[in-house]
Amino acid sequence: MANLLLTKLNDARWQVNLSTPLWLEYEDVLKRPEMQPFIAEADVDIFLNGLCSIAQYHEILYLWRLLATDPNDAFLLELAVKAKADFIITYNPKDFPAAASFGIKLATPKEFLQLMGDLA
């Protein structure tokens, strides 16, 4: 489902939001040695450049590390709050127990695509 969602990133129905920590996380994960059989480093750079071209950039000036069960994922909640996002799309909704208090819904890629009418 995540692959299908990636093909729809530039859909006019939603806005992709990005911060420096999220961009760096994507770069780190996609350029790990175990990813090399699946995606070339040059393709990662092309993807990240494309993502930057369609995303709304947000500078995060505050840290709410205690509002996520995994402090390494707290930057996602910070970005969602700053962007006034409706959703955080994640496979780990348990990592964001405070999201609802900010009016942010949590959905897996499949759940999000179903809500948007792209999956039956």
PDB file of N, CA and C in Angstrom:
ATOM      1  N   MET A   1       0.809  -1.200   0.000  1.00  0.00           N
ATOM      2  CA  MET A   1       0.000   0.000   0.000  1.00  0.00           C
ATOM      3  C   MET A   1       0.854   1.266   0.000  1.00  0.00           C
ATOM      4  N   ALA A   2       1.989   1.223   0.678  1.00  0.00           N
ATOM      5  CA  ALA A   2       2.841   2.413   0.715  1.00  0.00           C
ATOM      6  C   ALA A   2       3.295   2.782  -0.693  1.00  0.00           C
ATOM      7  N   ASN A   3       3.580   1.784  -1.520  1.00  0.00           N
ATOM      8  CA  ASN A   3       3.999   2.071  -2.900  1.00  0.00           C
ATOM      9  C   ASN A   3       2.890   2.780  -3.674  1.00  0.00           C
ATOM     10  N   LEU A   4       1.659   2.332  -3.498  1.00  0.00           N
ATOM     11  CA  LEU A   4       0.533   2.987  -4.167  1.00  0.00           C
ATOM     12  C   LEU A   4       0.402   4.426  -3.681  1.00  0.00           C
ATOM     13  N   LEU A   5       0.542   4.622  -2.391  1.00  0.00           N
ATOM     14  CA  LEU A   5       0.459   5.974  -1.854  1.00  0.00           C
ATOM     15  C   LEU A   5       1.567   6.862  -2.428  1.00  0.00           C
ATOM     16  N   LEU A   6       2.763   6.321  -2.581  1.00  0.00           N
ATOM     17  CA  LEU A   6       3.865   7.097  -3.155  1.00  0.00           C
ATOM     18  C   LEU A   6       3.543   7.580  -4.568  1.00  0.00           C
ATOM     19  N   THR A   7       2.810   6.778  -5.326  1.00  0.00           N
ATOM     20  CA  THR A   7       2.463   7.193  -6.692  1.00  0.00           C
ATOM     21  C   THR A   7       1.439   8.328  -6.695  1.00  0.00           C
ATOM     22  N   LYS A   8       0.833   8.585  -5.547  1.00  0.00           N
ATOM     23  CA  LYS A   8      -0.222   9.599  -5.460  1.00  0.00           C
ATOM     24  C   LYS A   8       0.212  10.820  -4.634  1.00  0.00           C
ATOM     25  N   LEU A   9       1.495  10.970  -4.390  1.00  0.00           N
ATOM     26  CA  LEU A   9       1.954  12.073  -3.547  1.00  0.00           C
ATOM     27  C   LEU A   9       1.570  13.443  -4.087  1.00  0.00           C
ATOM     28  N   ASN A  10       1.518  13.590  -5.383  1.00  0.00           N
ATOM     29  CA  ASN A  10       1.230  14.890  -5.972  1.00  0.00           C
ATOM     30  C   ASN A  10      -0.262  15.090  -6.257  1.00  0.00           C
ATOM     31  N   ASP A  11      -1.106  14.294  -5.636  1.00  0.00           N
ATOM     32  CA  ASP A  11      -2.554  14.399  -5.806  1.00  0.00           C
ATOM     33  C   ASP A  11      -3.044  15.733  -5.232  1.00  0.00           C
ATOM     34  N   ALA A  12      -3.883  16.413  -5.966  1.00  0.00           N
ATOM     35  CA  ALA A  12      -4.376  17.731  -5.549  1.00  0.00           C
ATOM     36  C   ALA A  12      -5.282  17.674  -4.321  1.00  0.00           C
ATOM     37  N   ARG A  13      -5.726  16.475  -3.925  1.00  0.00           N
ATOM     38  CA  ARG A  13      -6.620  16.368  -2.769  1.00  0.00           C
ATOM     39  C   ARG A  13      -5.914  16.559  -1.433  1.00  0.00           C
ATOM     40  N   TRP A  14      -4.598  16.493  -1.421  1.00  0.00           N
ATOM     41  CA  TRP A  14      -3.872  16.666  -0.174  1.00  0.00           C
ATOM     42  C   TRP A  14      -2.545  17.365  -0.420  1.00  0.00           C
ATOM     43  N   GLN A  15      -1.938  17.803   0.680  1.00  0.00           N
ATOM     44  CA  GLN A  15      -0.649  18.486   0.645  1.00  0.00           C
ATOM     45  C   GLN A  15       0.363  17.640   1.395  1.00  0.00           C
ATOM     46  N   VAL A  16       1.485  17.368   0.778  1.00  0.00           N
ATOM     47  CA  VAL A  16       2.586  16.683   1.441  1.00  0.00           C
ATOM     48  C   VAL A  16       3.363  17.731   2.226  1.00  0.00           C
ATOM     49  N   ASN A  17       3.654  17.440   3.476  1.00  0.00           N
ATOM     50  CA  ASN A  17       4.405  18.354   4.333  1.00  0.00           C
ATOM     51  C   ASN A  17       5.758  17.753   4.653  1.00  0.00           C
ATOM     52  N   LEU A  18       6.775  18.609   4.726  1.00  0.00           N
ATOM     53  CA  LEU A  18       8.137  18.146   4.897  1.00  0.00           C
ATOM     54  C   LEU A  18       8.888  19.103   5.807  1.00  0.00           C
ATOM     55  N   SER A  19       9.755  18.544   6.620  1.00  0.00           N
ATOM     56  CA  SER A  19      10.666  19.323   7.451  1.00  0.00           C
ATOM     57  C   SER A  19      12.062  18.755   7.237  1.00  0.00           C
ATOM     58  N   THR A  20      13.055  19.484   7.663  1.00  0.00           N
ATOM     59  CA  THR A  20      14.425  18.988   7.523  1.00  0.00           C
ATOM     60  C   THR A  20      14.619  17.646   8.229  1.00  0.00           C
ATOM     61  N   PRO A  21      14.145  17.474   9.478  1.00  0.00           N
ATOM     62  CA  PRO A  21      14.329  16.161  10.114  1.00  0.00           C
ATOM     63  C   PRO A  21      13.667  15.016   9.338  1.00  0.00           C
ATOM     64  N   LEU A  22      12.491  15.254   8.754  1.00  0.00           N
ATOM     65  CA  LEU A  22      11.829  14.197   7.995  1.00  0.00           C
ATOM     66  C   LEU A  22      12.610  13.889   6.720  1.00  0.00           C
ATOM     67  N   TRP A  23      13.084  14.914   6.019  1.00  0.00           N
ATOM     68  CA  TRP A  23      13.889  14.700   4.811  1.00  0.00           C
ATOM     69  C   TRP A  23      15.134  13.893   5.150  1.00  0.00           C
ATOM     70  N   LEU A  24      15.810  14.259   6.239  1.00  0.00           N
ATOM     71  CA  LEU A  24      17.018  13.537   6.646  1.00  0.00           C
ATOM     72  C   LEU A  24      16.713  12.089   7.022  1.00  0.00           C
ATOM     73  N   GLU A  25      15.562  11.860   7.635  1.00  0.00           N
ATOM     74  CA  GLU A  25      15.147  10.488   7.980  1.00  0.00           C
ATOM     75  C   GLU A  25      14.931   9.668   6.720  1.00  0.00           C
ATOM     76  N   TYR A  26      14.223  10.237   5.747  1.00  0.00           N
ATOM     77  CA  TYR A  26      14.012   9.532   4.483  1.00  0.00           C
ATOM     78  C   TYR A  26      15.348   9.211   3.820  1.00  0.00           C
ATOM     79  N   GLU A  27      16.239  10.184   3.783  1.00  0.00           N
ATOM     80  CA  GLU A  27      17.543   9.963   3.158  1.00  0.00           C
ATOM     81  C   GLU A  27      18.314   8.863   3.884  1.00  0.00           C
ATOM     82  N   ASP A  28      18.331   8.917   5.204  1.00  0.00           N
ATOM     83  CA  ASP A  28      19.050   7.912   5.987  1.00  0.00           C
ATOM     84  C   ASP A  28      18.508   6.510   5.734  1.00  0.00           C
ATOM     85  N   VAL A  29      17.209   6.356   5.799  1.00  0.00           N
ATOM     86  CA  VAL A  29      16.598   5.033   5.626  1.00  0.00           C
ATOM     87  C   VAL A  29      16.812   4.512   4.204  1.00  0.00           C
ATOM     88  N   LEU A  30      16.588   5.354   3.223  1.00  0.00           N
ATOM     89  CA  LEU A  30      16.669   4.898   1.830  1.00  0.00           C
ATOM     90  C   LEU A  30      18.093   4.640   1.361  1.00  0.00           C
ATOM     91  N   LYS A  31      19.077   5.228   2.042  1.00  0.00           N
ATOM     92  CA  LYS A  31      20.468   5.020   1.634  1.00  0.00           C
ATOM     93  C   LYS A  31      21.213   4.019   2.509  1.00  0.00           C
ATOM     94  N   ARG A  32      20.500   3.301   3.342  1.00  0.00           N
ATOM     95  CA  ARG A  32      21.129   2.254   4.151  1.00  0.00           C
ATOM     96  C   ARG A  32      21.595   1.128   3.234  1.00  0.00           C
ATOM     97  N   PRO A  33      22.682   0.461   3.618  1.00  0.00           N
ATOM     98  CA  PRO A  33      23.212  -0.626   2.780  1.00  0.00           C
ATOM     99  C   PRO A  33      22.170  -1.699   2.438  1.00  0.00           C
ATOM    100  N   GLU A  34      21.287  -2.017   3.365  1.00  0.00           N
ATOM    101  CA  GLU A  34      20.293  -3.063   3.099  1.00  0.00           C
ATOM    102  C   GLU A  34      19.252  -2.642   2.071  1.00  0.00           C
ATOM    103  N   MET A  35      19.197  -1.353   1.745  1.00  0.00           N
ATOM    104  CA  MET A  35      18.265  -0.873   0.726  1.00  0.00           C
ATOM    105  C   MET A  35      18.860  -0.898  -0.672  1.00  0.00           C
ATOM    106  N   GLN A  36      20.178  -1.044  -0.787  1.00  0.00           N
ATOM    107  CA  GLN A  36      20.846  -0.982  -2.087  1.00  0.00           C
ATOM    108  C   GLN A  36      20.324  -1.988  -3.108  1.00  0.00           C
ATOM    109  N   PRO A  37      19.917  -3.207  -2.698  1.00  0.00           N
ATOM    110  CA  PRO A  37      19.362  -4.116  -3.714  1.00  0.00           C
ATOM    111  C   PRO A  37      18.024  -3.634  -4.295  1.00  0.00           C
ATOM    112  N   PHE A  38      17.358  -2.713  -3.601  1.00  0.00           N
ATOM    113  CA  PHE A  38      16.024  -2.290  -4.003  1.00  0.00           C
ATOM    114  C   PHE A  38      15.981  -0.926  -4.674  1.00  0.00           C
ATOM    115  N   ILE A  39      16.916  -0.049  -4.305  1.00  0.00           N
ATOM    116  CA  ILE A  39      16.900   1.307  -4.856  1.00  0.00           C
ATOM    117  C   ILE A  39      18.324   1.854  -4.902  1.00  0.00           C
ATOM    118  N   ALA A  40      18.682   2.381  -6.048  1.00  0.00           N
ATOM    119  CA  ALA A  40      20.022   2.951  -6.225  1.00  0.00           C
ATOM    120  C   ALA A  40      20.093   4.306  -5.538  1.00  0.00           C
ATOM    121  N   GLU A  41      21.275   4.641  -5.060  1.00  0.00           N
ATOM    122  CA  GLU A  41      21.463   5.911  -4.368  1.00  0.00           C
ATOM    123  C   GLU A  41      21.063   7.093  -5.257  1.00  0.00           C
ATOM    124  N   ALA A  42      21.368   7.024  -6.531  1.00  0.00           N
ATOM    125  CA  ALA A  42      20.982   8.109  -7.454  1.00  0.00           C
ATOM    126  C   ALA A  42      19.469   8.242  -7.543  1.00  0.00           C
ATOM    127  N   ASP A  43      18.753   7.117  -7.489  1.00  0.00           N
ATOM    128  CA  ASP A  43      17.291   7.154  -7.521  1.00  0.00           C
ATOM    129  C   ASP A  43      16.727   7.743  -6.230  1.00  0.00           C
ATOM    130  N   VAL A  44      17.403   7.485  -5.114  1.00  0.00           N
ATOM    131  CA  VAL A  44      16.990   8.099  -3.845  1.00  0.00           C
ATOM    132  C   VAL A  44      17.076   9.613  -3.969  1.00  0.00           C
ATOM    133  N   ASP A  45      18.188  10.101  -4.526  1.00  0.00           N
ATOM    134  CA  ASP A  45      18.359  11.543  -4.690  1.00  0.00           C
ATOM    135  C   ASP A  45      17.281  12.132  -5.606  1.00  0.00           C
ATOM    136  N   ILE A  46      16.956  11.426  -6.680  1.00  0.00           N
ATOM    137  CA  ILE A  46      15.896  11.884  -7.589  1.00  0.00           C
ATOM    138  C   ILE A  46      14.556  11.941  -6.861  1.00  0.00           C
ATOM    139  N   PHE A  47      14.254  10.892  -6.091  1.00  0.00           N
ATOM    140  CA  PHE A  47      13.004  10.862  -5.328  1.00  0.00           C
ATOM    141  C   PHE A  47      12.945  12.015  -4.336  1.00  0.00           C
ATOM    142  N   LEU A  48      14.016  12.206  -3.577  1.00  0.00           N
ATOM    143  CA  LEU A  48      14.017  13.259  -2.559  1.00  0.00           C
ATOM    144  C   LEU A  48      13.907  14.649  -3.182  1.00  0.00           C
ATOM    145  N   ASN A  49      14.567  14.858  -4.311  1.00  0.00           N
ATOM    146  CA  ASN A  49      14.435  16.141  -5.006  1.00  0.00           C
ATOM    147  C   ASN A  49      13.006  16.352  -5.488  1.00  0.00           C
ATOM    148  N   GLY A  50      12.392  15.294  -6.016  1.00  0.00           N
ATOM    149  CA  GLY A  50      11.005  15.381  -6.441  1.00  0.00           C
ATOM    150  C   GLY A  50      10.073  15.656  -5.274  1.00  0.00           C
ATOM    151  N   LEU A  51      10.325  14.995  -4.160  1.00  0.00           N
ATOM    152  CA  LEU A  51       9.517  15.215  -2.963  1.00  0.00           C
ATOM    153  C   LEU A  51       9.605  16.673  -2.523  1.00  0.00           C
ATOM    154  N   CYS A  52      10.809  17.212  -2.526  1.00  0.00           N
ATOM    155  CA  CYS A  52      10.992  18.616  -2.148  1.00  0.00           C
ATOM    156  C   CYS A  52      10.236  19.547  -3.087  1.00  0.00           C
ATOM    157  N   SER A  53      10.133  19.176  -4.349  1.00  0.00           N
ATOM    158  CA  SER A  53       9.481  20.052  -5.323  1.00  0.00           C
ATOM    159  C   SER A  53       7.967  20.113  -5.149  1.00  0.00           C
ATOM    160  N   ILE A  54       7.376  19.111  -4.517  1.00  0.00           N
ATOM    161  CA  ILE A  54       5.917  19.114  -4.347  1.00  0.00           C
ATOM    162  C   ILE A  54       5.479  19.363  -2.908  1.00  0.00           C
ATOM    163  N   ALA A  55       6.380  19.247  -1.966  1.00  0.00           N
ATOM    164  CA  ALA A  55       6.012  19.341  -0.547  1.00  0.00           C
ATOM    165  C   ALA A  55       5.998  20.779  -0.059  1.00  0.00           C
ATOM    166  N   GLN A  56       5.190  20.996   0.951  1.00  0.00           N
ATOM    167  CA  GLN A  56       5.184  22.268   1.667  1.00  0.00           C
ATOM    168  C   GLN A  56       6.206  22.128   2.798  1.00  0.00           C
ATOM    169  N   TYR A  57       7.226  22.993   2.789  1.00  0.00           N
ATOM    170  CA  TYR A  57       8.285  22.904   3.787  1.00  0.00           C
ATOM    171  C   TYR A  57       7.878  23.656   5.052  1.00  0.00           C
ATOM    172  N   HIS A  58       8.187  23.056   6.213  1.00  0.00           N
ATOM    173  CA  HIS A  58       7.909  23.672   7.510  1.00  0.00           C
ATOM    174  C   HIS A  58       9.158  23.601   8.372  1.00  0.00           C
ATOM    175  N   GLU A  59       9.556  24.747   8.887  1.00  0.00           N
ATOM    176  CA  GLU A  59      10.659  24.784   9.838  1.00  0.00           C
ATOM    177  C   GLU A  59      10.081  24.542  11.225  1.00  0.00           C
ATOM    178  N   ILE A  60      10.674  23.620  11.941  1.00  0.00           N
ATOM    179  CA  ILE A  60      10.195  23.271  13.278  1.00  0.00           C
ATOM    180  C   ILE A  60      11.084  23.962  14.297  1.00  0.00           C
ATOM    181  N   LEU A  61      10.468  24.785  15.140  1.00  0.00           N
ATOM    182  CA  LEU A  61      11.233  25.559  16.115  1.00  0.00           C
ATOM    183  C   LEU A  61      10.968  25.130  17.547  1.00  0.00           C
ATOM    184  N   TYR A  62      10.280  24.032  17.735  1.00  0.00           N
ATOM    185  CA  TYR A  62       9.979  23.559  19.076  1.00  0.00           C
ATOM    186  C   TYR A  62      10.170  22.054  19.119  1.00  0.00           C
ATOM    187  N   LEU A  63      10.360  21.546  20.309  1.00  0.00           N
ATOM    188  CA  LEU A  63      10.589  20.111  20.485  1.00  0.00           C
ATOM    189  C   LEU A  63       9.606  19.571  21.516  1.00  0.00           C
ATOM    190  N   TRP A  64       8.839  18.590  21.111  1.00  0.00           N
ATOM    191  CA  TRP A  64       7.882  17.947  21.994  1.00  0.00           C
ATOM    192  C   TRP A  64       8.209  16.471  22.108  1.00  0.00           C
ATOM    193  N   ARG A  65       9.411  16.159  22.459  1.00  0.00           N
ATOM    194  CA  ARG A  65       9.884  14.772  22.479  1.00  0.00           C
ATOM    195  C   ARG A  65       9.063  13.869  23.385  1.00  0.00           C
ATOM    196  N   LEU A  66       8.450  14.405  24.408  1.00  0.00           N
ATOM    197  CA  LEU A  66       7.709  13.561  25.344  1.00  0.00           C
ATOM    198  C   LEU A  66       6.295  13.240  24.884  1.00  0.00           C
ATOM    199  N   LEU A  67       5.861  13.795  23.755  1.00  0.00           N
ATOM    200  CA  LEU A  67       4.506  13.553  23.271  1.00  0.00           C
ATOM    201  C   LEU A  67       4.405  12.361  22.323  1.00  0.00           C
ATOM    202  N   ALA A  68       5.497  11.678  22.101  1.00  0.00           N
ATOM    203  CA  ALA A  68       5.488  10.469  21.271  1.00  0.00           C
ATOM    204  C   ALA A  68       6.120   9.355  22.091  1.00  0.00           C
ATOM    205  N   THR A  69       5.625   8.131  21.928  1.00  0.00           N
ATOM    206  CA  THR A  69       6.204   7.032  22.687  1.00  0.00           C
ATOM    207  C   THR A  69       7.623   6.739  22.244  1.00  0.00           C
ATOM    208  N   ASP A  70       7.928   7.016  20.995  1.00  0.00           N
ATOM    209  CA  ASP A  70       9.292   6.879  20.488  1.00  0.00           C
ATOM    210  C   ASP A  70       9.826   8.294  20.239  1.00  0.00           C
ATOM    211  N   PRO A  71      10.707   8.797  21.101  1.00  0.00           N
ATOM    212  CA  PRO A  71      11.215  10.165  20.931  1.00  0.00           C
ATOM    213  C   PRO A  71      11.866  10.394  19.569  1.00  0.00           C
ATOM    214  N   ASN A  72      12.338   9.328  18.923  1.00  0.00           N
ATOM    215  CA  ASN A  72      12.925   9.473  17.594  1.00  0.00           C
ATOM    216  C   ASN A  72      11.881   9.769  16.526  1.00  0.00           C
ATOM    217  N   ASP A  73      10.606   9.558  16.836  1.00  0.00           N
ATOM    218  CA  ASP A  73       9.528   9.853  15.896  1.00  0.00           C
ATOM    219  C   ASP A  73       8.771  11.134  16.242  1.00  0.00           C
ATOM    220  N   ALA A  74       9.146  11.787  17.320  1.00  0.00           N
ATOM    221  CA  ALA A  74       8.420  12.973  17.768  1.00  0.00           C
ATOM    222  C   ALA A  74       8.426  14.080  16.720  1.00  0.00           C
ATOM    223  N   PHE A  75       9.479  14.140  15.902  1.00  0.00           N
ATOM    224  CA  PHE A  75       9.532  15.191  14.879  1.00  0.00           C
ATOM    225  C   PHE A  75       8.366  15.083  13.901  1.00  0.00           C
ATOM    226  N   LEU A  76       7.804  13.894  13.733  1.00  0.00           N
ATOM    227  CA  LEU A  76       6.647  13.743  12.845  1.00  0.00           C
ATOM    228  C   LEU A  76       5.412  14.416  13.426  1.00  0.00           C
ATOM    229  N   LEU A  77       5.213  14.261  14.731  1.00  0.00           N
ATOM    230  CA  LEU A  77       4.090  14.933  15.387  1.00  0.00           C
ATOM    231  C   LEU A  77       4.310  16.444  15.365  1.00  0.00           C
ATOM    232  N   GLU A  78       5.538  16.874  15.599  1.00  0.00           N
ATOM    233  CA  GLU A  78       5.846  18.304  15.556  1.00  0.00           C
ATOM    234  C   GLU A  78       5.540  18.891  14.180  1.00  0.00           C
ATOM    235  N   LEU A  79       5.921  18.171  13.141  1.00  0.00           N
ATOM    236  CA  LEU A  79       5.635  18.614  11.773  1.00  0.00           C
ATOM    237  C   LEU A  79       4.131  18.658  11.521  1.00  0.00           C
ATOM    238  N   ALA A  80       3.425  17.625  11.930  1.00  0.00           N
ATOM    239  CA  ALA A  80       1.978  17.573  11.702  1.00  0.00           C
ATOM    240  C   ALA A  80       1.264  18.722  12.403  1.00  0.00           C
ATOM    241  N   VAL A  81       1.677  19.047  13.619  1.00  0.00           N
ATOM    242  CA  VAL A  81       1.065  20.165  14.342  1.00  0.00           C
ATOM    243  C   VAL A  81       1.372  21.471  13.633  1.00  0.00           C
ATOM    244  N   LYS A  82       2.632  21.679  13.274  1.00  0.00           N
ATOM    245  CA  LYS A  82       3.036  22.921  12.596  1.00  0.00           C
ATOM    246  C   LYS A  82       2.296  23.081  11.262  1.00  0.00           C
ATOM    247  N   ALA A  83       2.132  21.981  10.533  1.00  0.00           N
ATOM    248  CA  ALA A  83       1.479  22.019   9.218  1.00  0.00           C
ATOM    249  C   ALA A  83      -0.042  22.033   9.313  1.00  0.00           C
ATOM    250  N   LYS A  84      -0.565  21.899  10.527  1.00  0.00           N
ATOM    251  CA  LYS A  84      -2.014  21.793  10.724  1.00  0.00           C
ATOM    252  C   LYS A  84      -2.572  20.641   9.889  1.00  0.00           C
ATOM    253  N   ALA A  85      -1.838  19.529   9.927  1.00  0.00           N
ATOM    254  CA  ALA A  85      -2.200  18.349   9.138  1.00  0.00           C
ATOM    255  C   ALA A  85      -3.443  17.676   9.703  1.00  0.00           C
ATOM    256  N   ASP A  86      -4.196  17.079   8.815  1.00  0.00           N
ATOM    257  CA  ASP A  86      -5.355  16.287   9.229  1.00  0.00           C
ATOM    258  C   ASP A  86      -4.948  14.879   9.612  1.00  0.00           C
ATOM    259  N   PHE A  87      -3.872  14.369   8.981  1.00  0.00           N
ATOM    260  CA  PHE A  87      -3.451  12.983   9.177  1.00  0.00           C
ATOM    261  C   PHE A  87      -1.948  12.871   9.363  1.00  0.00           C
ATOM    262  N   ILE A  88      -1.563  11.860  10.119  1.00  0.00           N
ATOM    263  CA  ILE A  88      -0.224  11.289  10.061  1.00  0.00           C
ATOM    264  C   ILE A  88      -0.429   9.896   9.499  1.00  0.00           C
ATOM    265  N   ILE A  89       0.217   9.616   8.395  1.00  0.00           N
ATOM    266  CA  ILE A  89       0.102   8.298   7.779  1.00  0.00           C
ATOM    267  C   ILE A  89       1.293   7.483   8.248  1.00  0.00           C
ATOM    268  N   THR A  90       1.011   6.392   8.947  1.00  0.00           N
ATOM    269  CA  THR A  90       2.058   5.628   9.608  1.00  0.00           C
ATOM    270  C   THR A  90       1.645   4.178   9.785  1.00  0.00           C
ATOM    271  N   TYR A  91       2.644   3.317   9.835  1.00  0.00           N
ATOM    272  CA  TYR A  91       2.390   1.925  10.201  1.00  0.00           C
ATOM    273  C   TYR A  91       2.468   1.742  11.713  1.00  0.00           C
ATOM    274  N   ASN A  92       2.818   2.806  12.442  1.00  0.00           N
ATOM    275  CA  ASN A  92       2.996   2.709  13.896  1.00  0.00           C
ATOM    276  C   ASN A  92       2.142   3.747  14.630  1.00  0.00           C
ATOM    277  N   PRO A  93       0.828   3.646  14.542  1.00  0.00           N
ATOM    278  CA  PRO A  93      -0.017   4.649  15.199  1.00  0.00           C
ATOM    279  C   PRO A  93       0.172   4.694  16.716  1.00  0.00           C
ATOM    280  N   LYS A  94       0.603   3.596  17.309  1.00  0.00           N
ATOM    281  CA  LYS A  94       0.809   3.570  18.761  1.00  0.00           C
ATOM    282  C   LYS A  94       1.916   4.526  19.195  1.00  0.00           C
ATOM    283  N   ASP A  95       2.758   4.953  18.255  1.00  0.00           N
ATOM    284  CA  ASP A  95       3.847   5.875  18.581  1.00  0.00           C
ATOM    285  C   ASP A  95       3.376   7.313  18.753  1.00  0.00           C
ATOM    286  N   PHE A  96       2.099   7.587  18.444  1.00  0.00           N
ATOM    287  CA  PHE A  96       1.606   8.967  18.469  1.00  0.00           C
ATOM    288  C   PHE A  96       0.331   9.107  19.295  1.00  0.00           C
ATOM    289  N   PRO A  97       0.381   8.757  20.581  1.00  0.00           N
ATOM    290  CA  PRO A  97      -0.835   8.823  21.398  1.00  0.00           C
ATOM    291  C   PRO A  97      -1.368  10.240  21.578  1.00  0.00           C
ATOM    292  N   ALA A  98      -0.536  11.255  21.425  1.00  0.00           N
ATOM    293  CA  ALA A  98      -0.979  12.634  21.624  1.00  0.00           C
ATOM    294  C   ALA A  98      -1.591  13.255  20.373  1.00  0.00           C
ATOM    295  N   ALA A  99      -1.550  12.569  19.251  1.00  0.00           N
ATOM    296  CA  ALA A  99      -2.020  13.152  17.991  1.00  0.00           C
ATOM    297  C   ALA A  99      -3.473  13.616  18.085  1.00  0.00           C
ATOM    298  N   ALA A 100      -4.328  12.812  18.679  1.00  0.00           N
ATOM    299  CA  ALA A 100      -5.752  13.155  18.761  1.00  0.00           C
ATOM    300  C   ALA A 100      -5.978  14.459  19.514  1.00  0.00           C
ATOM    301  N   SER A 101      -5.147  14.749  20.503  1.00  0.00           N
ATOM    302  CA  SER A 101      -5.330  15.990  21.260  1.00  0.00           C
ATOM    303  C   SER A 101      -5.035  17.225  20.409  1.00  0.00           C
ATOM    304  N   PHE A 102      -4.387  17.041  19.267  1.00  0.00           N
ATOM    305  CA  PHE A 102      -4.139  18.129  18.322  1.00  0.00           C
ATOM    306  C   PHE A 102      -5.087  18.060  17.120  1.00  0.00           C
ATOM    307  N   GLY A 103      -6.059  17.137  17.172  1.00  0.00           N
ATOM    308  CA  GLY A 103      -7.009  16.996  16.078  1.00  0.00           C
ATOM    309  C   GLY A 103      -6.436  16.269  14.878  1.00  0.00           C
ATOM    310  N   ILE A 104      -5.352  15.533  15.082  1.00  0.00           N
ATOM    311  CA  ILE A 104      -4.687  14.819  13.990  1.00  0.00           C
ATOM    312  C   ILE A 104      -5.099  13.352  14.038  1.00  0.00           C
ATOM    313  N   LYS A 105      -5.588  12.863  12.905  1.00  0.00           N
ATOM    314  CA  LYS A 105      -5.985  11.459  12.800  1.00  0.00           C
ATOM    315  C   LYS A 105      -4.776  10.631  12.373  1.00  0.00           C
ATOM    316  N   LEU A 106      -4.751   9.390  12.789  1.00  0.00           N
ATOM    317  CA  LEU A 106      -3.699   8.454  12.415  1.00  0.00           C
ATOM    318  C   LEU A 106      -4.282   7.413  11.469  1.00  0.00           C
ATOM    319  N   ALA A 107      -3.542   7.093  10.425  1.00  0.00           N
ATOM    320  CA  ALA A 107      -4.013   6.103   9.459  1.00  0.00           C
ATOM    321  C   ALA A 107      -2.813   5.394   8.852  1.00  0.00           C
ATOM    322  N   THR A 108      -2.989   4.114   8.568  1.00  0.00           N
ATOM    323  CA  THR A 108      -1.989   3.400   7.785  1.00  0.00           C
ATOM    324  C   THR A 108      -2.147   3.846   6.331  1.00  0.00           C
ATOM    325  N   PRO A 109      -1.176   3.580   5.481  1.00  0.00           N
ATOM    326  CA  PRO A 109      -1.363   3.923   4.061  1.00  0.00           C
ATOM    327  C   PRO A 109      -2.648   3.324   3.493  1.00  0.00           C
ATOM    328  N   LYS A 110      -2.939   2.066   3.818  1.00  0.00           N
ATOM    329  CA  LYS A 110      -4.148   1.421   3.303  1.00  0.00           C
ATOM    330  C   LYS A 110      -5.404   2.135   3.807  1.00  0.00           C
ATOM    331  N   GLU A 111      -5.455   2.424   5.104  1.00  0.00           N
ATOM    332  CA  GLU A 111      -6.623   3.116   5.660  1.00  0.00           C
ATOM    333  C   GLU A 111      -6.805   4.492   5.015  1.00  0.00           C
ATOM    334  N   PHE A 112      -5.711   5.216   4.814  1.00  0.00           N
ATOM    335  CA  PHE A 112      -5.788   6.537   4.200  1.00  0.00           C
ATOM    336  C   PHE A 112      -6.315   6.442   2.766  1.00  0.00           C
ATOM    337  N   LEU A 113      -5.792   5.499   1.992  1.00  0.00           N
ATOM    338  CA  LEU A 113      -6.247   5.332   0.617  1.00  0.00           C
ATOM    339  C   LEU A 113      -7.716   4.919   0.565  1.00  0.00           C
ATOM    340  N   GLN A 114      -8.172   4.113   1.526  1.00  0.00           N
ATOM    341  CA  GLN A 114      -9.576   3.743   1.596  1.00  0.00           C
ATOM    342  C   GLN A 114     -10.431   4.981   1.922  1.00  0.00           C
ATOM    343  N   LEU A 115      -9.986   5.786   2.875  1.00  0.00           N
ATOM    344  CA  LEU A 115     -10.723   7.003   3.231  1.00  0.00           C
ATOM    345  C   LEU A 115     -10.826   7.972   2.054  1.00  0.00           C
ATOM    346  N   MET A 116      -9.795   8.012   1.238  1.00  0.00           N
ATOM    347  CA  MET A 116      -9.768   8.908   0.087  1.00  0.00           C
ATOM    348  C   MET A 116     -10.497   8.337  -1.131  1.00  0.00           C
ATOM    349  N   GLY A 117     -10.978   7.092  -0.998  1.00  0.00           N
ATOM    350  CA  GLY A 117     -11.721   6.463  -2.092  1.00  0.00           C
ATOM    351  C   GLY A 117     -10.839   5.855  -3.158  1.00  0.00           C
ATOM    352  N   ASP A 118      -9.557   5.671  -2.886  1.00  0.00           N
ATOM    353  CA  ASP A 118      -8.642   5.099  -3.863  1.00  0.00           C
ATOM    354  C   ASP A 118      -8.515   3.575  -3.730  1.00  0.00           C
ATOM    355  N   LEU A 119      -9.103   3.027  -2.696  1.00  0.00           N
ATOM    356  CA  LEU A 119      -9.132   1.564  -2.485  1.00  0.00           C
ATOM    357  C   LEU A 119     -10.528   1.171  -2.025  1.00  0.00           C
ATOM    358  N   ALA A 120     -10.947   0.035  -2.477  1.00  0.00           N
ATOM    359  CA  ALA A 120     -12.259  -0.460  -2.043  1.00  0.00           C
ATOM    360  C   ALA A 120     -12.156  -1.102  -0.691  1.00  0.00           C
TER     361      ALA A 120
END
